[in-house]
């Protein structure tokens, strides 16, 4: 079954709890709150390395930060986001399907 990444992200943002930004994402991982981390394709190597070095489930979004921000209904670029509560979305199915868009 093919997952509609855009629809799934919008549903998660609308019905769940999501933190935006690299600093907030890292903090949520450290606190053990993050169920899933989504990284934009143009996330800087330093930030990506810091996030991937922590114990977390990561989905590599194939679009850039501007596209990720737009899909989430934001008017700004989003390099990283952490999903705290999935709400009524099926976003965890993204990582079960191999983490590919």
C-alpha atoms as a PDB file:
ATOM      1  CA  UNK A   1       0.000   0.000   0.000  1.00  0.00           C
ATOM      2  CA  UNK A   2       1.378   3.393  -1.044  1.00  0.00           C
ATOM      3  CA  UNK A   3       1.415   6.077   1.660  1.00  0.00           C
ATOM      4  CA  UNK A   4       0.569   9.665   0.666  1.00  0.00           C
ATOM      5  CA  UNK A   5       3.368  11.478   2.506  1.00  0.00           C
ATOM      6  CA  UNK A   6       1.890  14.963   2.043  1.00  0.00           C
ATOM      7  CA  UNK A   7      -1.543  13.978   3.363  1.00  0.00           C
ATOM      8  CA  UNK A   8      -0.036  12.022   6.231  1.00  0.00           C
ATOM      9  CA  UNK A   9       2.165  14.936   7.318  1.00  0.00           C
ATOM     10  CA  UNK A  10      -0.729  17.409   7.141  1.00  0.00           C
ATOM     11  CA  UNK A  11      -2.945  15.083   9.195  1.00  0.00           C
ATOM     12  CA  UNK A  12      -0.223  14.623  11.804  1.00  0.00           C
ATOM     13  CA  UNK A  13       0.310  18.379  12.152  1.00  0.00           C
ATOM     14  CA  UNK A  14      -3.443  19.033  12.322  1.00  0.00           C
ATOM     15  CA  UNK A  15      -4.481  16.258  14.731  1.00  0.00           C
ATOM     16  CA  UNK A  16      -1.296  15.336  16.594  1.00  0.00           C
ATOM     17  CA  UNK A  17       1.539  17.108  18.348  1.00  0.00           C
ATOM     18  CA  UNK A  18       4.603  18.098  16.323  1.00  0.00           C
ATOM     19  CA  UNK A  19       7.681  20.146  17.231  1.00  0.00           C
ATOM     20  CA  UNK A  20       9.377  22.088  14.430  1.00  0.00           C
ATOM     21  CA  UNK A  21      13.055  22.982  14.140  1.00  0.00           C
ATOM     22  CA  UNK A  22      16.354  21.219  14.745  1.00  0.00           C
ATOM     23  CA  UNK A  23      16.889  22.474  18.311  1.00  0.00           C
ATOM     24  CA  UNK A  24      13.399  21.509  19.478  1.00  0.00           C
ATOM     25  CA  UNK A  25      13.666  18.169  17.668  1.00  0.00           C
ATOM     26  CA  UNK A  26      16.975  17.342  19.377  1.00  0.00           C
ATOM     27  CA  UNK A  27      15.532  18.337  22.751  1.00  0.00           C
ATOM     28  CA  UNK A  28      12.477  16.108  22.212  1.00  0.00           C
ATOM     29  CA  UNK A  29      14.738  13.151  21.366  1.00  0.00           C
ATOM     30  CA  UNK A  30      16.841  13.702  24.484  1.00  0.00           C
ATOM     31  CA  UNK A  31      13.682  13.924  26.616  1.00  0.00           C
ATOM     32  CA  UNK A  32      12.377  10.705  25.056  1.00  0.00           C
ATOM     33  CA  UNK A  33       9.268  12.422  23.651  1.00  0.00           C
ATOM     34  CA  UNK A  34       9.888  11.943  19.913  1.00  0.00           C
ATOM     35  CA  UNK A  35       8.126   8.974  18.314  1.00  0.00           C
ATOM     36  CA  UNK A  36       9.412   9.894  14.853  1.00  0.00           C
ATOM     37  CA  UNK A  37      11.838  12.449  13.419  1.00  0.00           C
ATOM     38  CA  UNK A  38      11.437  13.775   9.869  1.00  0.00           C
ATOM     39  CA  UNK A  39      14.494  15.329   8.221  1.00  0.00           C
ATOM     40  CA  UNK A  40      14.462  17.393   5.021  1.00  0.00           C
ATOM     41  CA  UNK A  41      16.857  16.351   2.264  1.00  0.00           C
ATOM     42  CA  UNK A  42      18.873  19.562   2.650  1.00  0.00           C
ATOM     43  CA  UNK A  43      19.333  19.230   6.411  1.00  0.00           C
ATOM     44  CA  UNK A  44      22.976  20.224   7.153  1.00  0.00           C
ATOM     45  CA  UNK A  45      25.374  17.355   7.841  1.00  0.00           C
ATOM     46  CA  UNK A  46      26.146  18.596  11.364  1.00  0.00           C
ATOM     47  CA  UNK A  47      22.479  18.666  12.399  1.00  0.00           C
ATOM     48  CA  UNK A  48      21.763  15.360  10.670  1.00  0.00           C
ATOM     49  CA  UNK A  49      24.744  13.751  12.437  1.00  0.00           C
ATOM     50  CA  UNK A  50      23.642  15.059  15.835  1.00  0.00           C
ATOM     51  CA  UNK A  51      20.086  13.794  15.337  1.00  0.00           C
ATOM     52  CA  UNK A  52      21.061  10.414  13.899  1.00  0.00           C
ATOM     53  CA  UNK A  53      23.540   9.828  16.733  1.00  0.00           C
ATOM     54  CA  UNK A  54      20.628   9.811  19.181  1.00  0.00           C
ATOM     55  CA  UNK A  55      18.240   6.912  19.685  1.00  0.00           C
ATOM     56  CA  UNK A  56      15.309   7.806  17.410  1.00  0.00           C
ATOM     57  CA  UNK A  57      13.223   6.627  14.467  1.00  0.00           C
ATOM     58  CA  UNK A  58      14.072   8.752  11.422  1.00  0.00           C
ATOM     59  CA  UNK A  59      12.227   9.325   8.161  1.00  0.00           C
ATOM     60  CA  UNK A  60      14.257  10.963   5.388  1.00  0.00           C
ATOM     61  CA  UNK A  61      11.892  13.301   3.552  1.00  0.00           C
ATOM     62  CA  UNK A  62      12.926  13.496  -0.107  1.00  0.00           C
ATOM     63  CA  UNK A  63      11.960  17.162  -0.522  1.00  0.00           C
ATOM     64  CA  UNK A  64      13.850  20.172   0.779  1.00  0.00           C
ATOM     65  CA  UNK A  65      13.085  22.220   3.883  1.00  0.00           C
ATOM     66  CA  UNK A  66      10.879  24.689   1.999  1.00  0.00           C
ATOM     67  CA  UNK A  67       8.709  21.868   0.672  1.00  0.00           C
ATOM     68  CA  UNK A  68       8.539  20.198   4.092  1.00  0.00           C
ATOM     69  CA  UNK A  69       7.479  23.472   5.710  1.00  0.00           C
ATOM     70  CA  UNK A  70       4.840  24.055   3.058  1.00  0.00           C
ATOM     71  CA  UNK A  71       3.402  20.539   3.446  1.00  0.00           C
ATOM     72  CA  UNK A  72       3.111  21.157   7.183  1.00  0.00           C
ATOM     73  CA  UNK A  73       1.183  24.379   6.566  1.00  0.00           C
ATOM     74  CA  UNK A  74       4.062  26.627   7.604  1.00  0.00           C
ATOM     75  CA  UNK A  75       5.241  29.753   5.808  1.00  0.00           C
ATOM     76  CA  UNK A  76       8.855  28.978   6.692  1.00  0.00           C
ATOM     77  CA  UNK A  77      11.361  26.240   5.933  1.00  0.00           C
ATOM     78  CA  UNK A  78      11.467  23.217   8.247  1.00  0.00           C
ATOM     79  CA  UNK A  79      14.749  21.266   8.350  1.00  0.00           C
ATOM     80  CA  UNK A  80      13.592  18.869  11.040  1.00  0.00           C
ATOM     81  CA  UNK A  81      10.457  18.011  12.951  1.00  0.00           C
ATOM     82  CA  UNK A  82       9.638  15.558  15.684  1.00  0.00           C
ATOM     83  CA  UNK A  83       6.309  13.815  16.073  1.00  0.00           C
ATOM     84  CA  UNK A  84       5.294  13.638  19.721  1.00  0.00           C
ATOM     85  CA  UNK A  85       1.712  12.442  19.213  1.00  0.00           C
ATOM     86  CA  UNK A  86       0.612  10.941  15.875  1.00  0.00           C
ATOM     87  CA  UNK A  87      -3.017  12.040  16.297  1.00  0.00           C
ATOM     88  CA  UNK A  88      -5.294  10.358  13.776  1.00  0.00           C
ATOM     89  CA  UNK A  89      -2.564   9.932  11.148  1.00  0.00           C
ATOM     90  CA  UNK A  90      -0.801   6.801   9.959  1.00  0.00           C
ATOM     91  CA  UNK A  91       2.625   8.472   9.860  1.00  0.00           C
ATOM     92  CA  UNK A  92       4.389   5.574  11.561  1.00  0.00           C
ATOM     93  CA  UNK A  93       3.598   3.511   8.452  1.00  0.00           C
ATOM     94  CA  UNK A  94       6.184   5.628   6.610  1.00  0.00           C
ATOM     95  CA  UNK A  95       9.041   4.021   8.500  1.00  0.00           C
ATOM     96  CA  UNK A  96       7.460   0.570   8.282  1.00  0.00           C
ATOM     97  CA  UNK A  97       7.543   0.958   4.490  1.00  0.00           C
ATOM     98  CA  UNK A  98      11.289   1.498   4.438  1.00  0.00           C
ATOM     99  CA  UNK A  99      11.426   5.256   5.005  1.00  0.00           C
ATOM    100  CA  UNK A 100      11.123   6.186   1.347  1.00  0.00           C
ATOM    101  CA  UNK A 101       8.873   8.852  -0.114  1.00  0.00           C
END
